[in-house]
């Protein structure tokens, strides 16, 4: 049986609150269920580093509290 993929956070923009880097568990704050919640975060490409304060894009959500993120594309940086 296939595991159902939860896409509820895919495409959301978050702010890094704990450095995200290879080999570490980072943290990102994301809008979630009408509020803001902290999620464990890892670089989607397994090589990037994102410092505290940087905005990132959620590529994949792994319930219950883990996301994989990537660099925010230029077209979304102005919002």
C-alpha atoms as a PDB file:
ATOM      1  CA  UNK A   1       0.000   0.000   0.000  1.00  0.00           C
ATOM      2  CA  UNK A   2       1.307   3.468  -0.880  1.00  0.00           C
ATOM      3  CA  UNK A   3       1.852   6.006   1.836  1.00  0.00           C
ATOM      4  CA  UNK A   4      -0.251   9.103   1.255  1.00  0.00           C
ATOM      5  CA  UNK A   5       1.879  12.223   0.757  1.00  0.00           C
ATOM      6  CA  UNK A   6       0.910  15.250   2.835  1.00  0.00           C
ATOM      7  CA  UNK A   7       1.419  18.416   0.778  1.00  0.00           C
ATOM      8  CA  UNK A   8      -0.150  20.875   3.237  1.00  0.00           C
ATOM      9  CA  UNK A   9       3.132  22.784   3.733  1.00  0.00           C
ATOM     10  CA  UNK A  10       4.660  22.371   0.279  1.00  0.00           C
ATOM     11  CA  UNK A  11       5.222  25.802  -1.250  1.00  0.00           C
ATOM     12  CA  UNK A  12       4.991  27.687   2.054  1.00  0.00           C
ATOM     13  CA  UNK A  13       7.585  30.332   2.870  1.00  0.00           C
ATOM     14  CA  UNK A  14       9.222  30.183   6.279  1.00  0.00           C
ATOM     15  CA  UNK A  15      11.866  31.993   8.288  1.00  0.00           C
ATOM     16  CA  UNK A  16      14.928  30.137   9.583  1.00  0.00           C
ATOM     17  CA  UNK A  17      15.218  30.247  13.395  1.00  0.00           C
ATOM     18  CA  UNK A  18      17.977  27.640  13.747  1.00  0.00           C
ATOM     19  CA  UNK A  19      20.722  27.293  11.131  1.00  0.00           C
ATOM     20  CA  UNK A  20      19.872  24.688   8.486  1.00  0.00           C
ATOM     21  CA  UNK A  21      22.927  22.833   7.181  1.00  0.00           C
ATOM     22  CA  UNK A  22      24.066  19.345   6.164  1.00  0.00           C
ATOM     23  CA  UNK A  23      24.490  17.078   9.179  1.00  0.00           C
ATOM     24  CA  UNK A  24      22.488  19.315  11.525  1.00  0.00           C
ATOM     25  CA  UNK A  25      18.864  19.677  12.532  1.00  0.00           C
ATOM     26  CA  UNK A  26      17.746  23.201  11.694  1.00  0.00           C
ATOM     27  CA  UNK A  27      14.520  24.952  12.576  1.00  0.00           C
ATOM     28  CA  UNK A  28      12.063  27.023  10.583  1.00  0.00           C
ATOM     29  CA  UNK A  29       8.894  28.887  11.585  1.00  0.00           C
ATOM     30  CA  UNK A  30       5.953  28.363   9.224  1.00  0.00           C
ATOM     31  CA  UNK A  31       2.334  29.474   9.001  1.00  0.00           C
ATOM     32  CA  UNK A  32       0.330  26.431  10.104  1.00  0.00           C
ATOM     33  CA  UNK A  33      -3.337  25.913  11.037  1.00  0.00           C
ATOM     34  CA  UNK A  34      -4.043  29.622  11.514  1.00  0.00           C
ATOM     35  CA  UNK A  35      -0.904  30.322  13.546  1.00  0.00           C
ATOM     36  CA  UNK A  36       2.848  29.874  13.370  1.00  0.00           C
ATOM     37  CA  UNK A  37       4.707  26.708  14.352  1.00  0.00           C
ATOM     38  CA  UNK A  38       8.321  25.548  14.553  1.00  0.00           C
ATOM     39  CA  UNK A  39       9.412  22.639  12.367  1.00  0.00           C
ATOM     40  CA  UNK A  40      12.651  20.671  12.174  1.00  0.00           C
ATOM     41  CA  UNK A  41      14.294  21.563   8.868  1.00  0.00           C
ATOM     42  CA  UNK A  42      16.855  20.038   6.532  1.00  0.00           C
ATOM     43  CA  UNK A  43      18.263  21.259   3.198  1.00  0.00           C
ATOM     44  CA  UNK A  44      16.385  19.553   0.359  1.00  0.00           C
ATOM     45  CA  UNK A  45      19.551  19.203  -1.742  1.00  0.00           C
ATOM     46  CA  UNK A  46      21.543  17.921   1.299  1.00  0.00           C
ATOM     47  CA  UNK A  47      24.342  20.458   0.625  1.00  0.00           C
ATOM     48  CA  UNK A  48      22.956  23.975   1.169  1.00  0.00           C
ATOM     49  CA  UNK A  49      23.250  26.085   4.319  1.00  0.00           C
ATOM     50  CA  UNK A  50      20.631  28.631   5.413  1.00  0.00           C
ATOM     51  CA  UNK A  51      21.471  31.089   8.220  1.00  0.00           C
ATOM     52  CA  UNK A  52      19.095  32.355  10.901  1.00  0.00           C
ATOM     53  CA  UNK A  53      16.751  35.009   9.528  1.00  0.00           C
ATOM     54  CA  UNK A  54      16.793  33.799   5.920  1.00  0.00           C
ATOM     55  CA  UNK A  55      13.480  33.043   4.220  1.00  0.00           C
ATOM     56  CA  UNK A  56      13.180  29.591   2.624  1.00  0.00           C
ATOM     57  CA  UNK A  57      10.692  27.615   0.531  1.00  0.00           C
ATOM     58  CA  UNK A  58       9.274  24.286   1.748  1.00  0.00           C
ATOM     59  CA  UNK A  59       9.795  21.587  -0.877  1.00  0.00           C
ATOM     60  CA  UNK A  60       8.655  18.557   1.118  1.00  0.00           C
ATOM     61  CA  UNK A  61       6.784  17.991   4.406  1.00  0.00           C
ATOM     62  CA  UNK A  62       7.324  14.829   6.432  1.00  0.00           C
ATOM     63  CA  UNK A  63       4.754  14.594   9.238  1.00  0.00           C
ATOM     64  CA  UNK A  64       4.598  15.282  12.035  1.00  0.00           C
ATOM     65  CA  UNK A  65       7.154  18.156  12.302  1.00  0.00           C
ATOM     66  CA  UNK A  66       9.858  17.907   9.617  1.00  0.00           C
ATOM     67  CA  UNK A  67      10.322  19.911   6.426  1.00  0.00           C
ATOM     68  CA  UNK A  68      12.902  19.940   3.648  1.00  0.00           C
ATOM     69  CA  UNK A  69      13.624  23.425   2.329  1.00  0.00           C
ATOM     70  CA  UNK A  70      15.362  25.177  -0.526  1.00  0.00           C
ATOM     71  CA  UNK A  71      16.429  28.683  -1.444  1.00  0.00           C
ATOM     72  CA  UNK A  72      13.590  31.128  -2.002  1.00  0.00           C
ATOM     73  CA  UNK A  73      13.356  31.867  -5.761  1.00  0.00           C
ATOM     74  CA  UNK A  74      13.995  35.479  -6.810  1.00  0.00           C
ATOM     75  CA  UNK A  75      10.396  35.946  -7.965  1.00  0.00           C
ATOM     76  CA  UNK A  76       9.165  35.306  -4.401  1.00  0.00           C
ATOM     77  CA  UNK A  77      11.771  37.460  -2.619  1.00  0.00           C
ATOM     78  CA  UNK A  78       9.799  40.693  -3.108  1.00  0.00           C
ATOM     79  CA  UNK A  79       6.730  39.490  -1.177  1.00  0.00           C
END
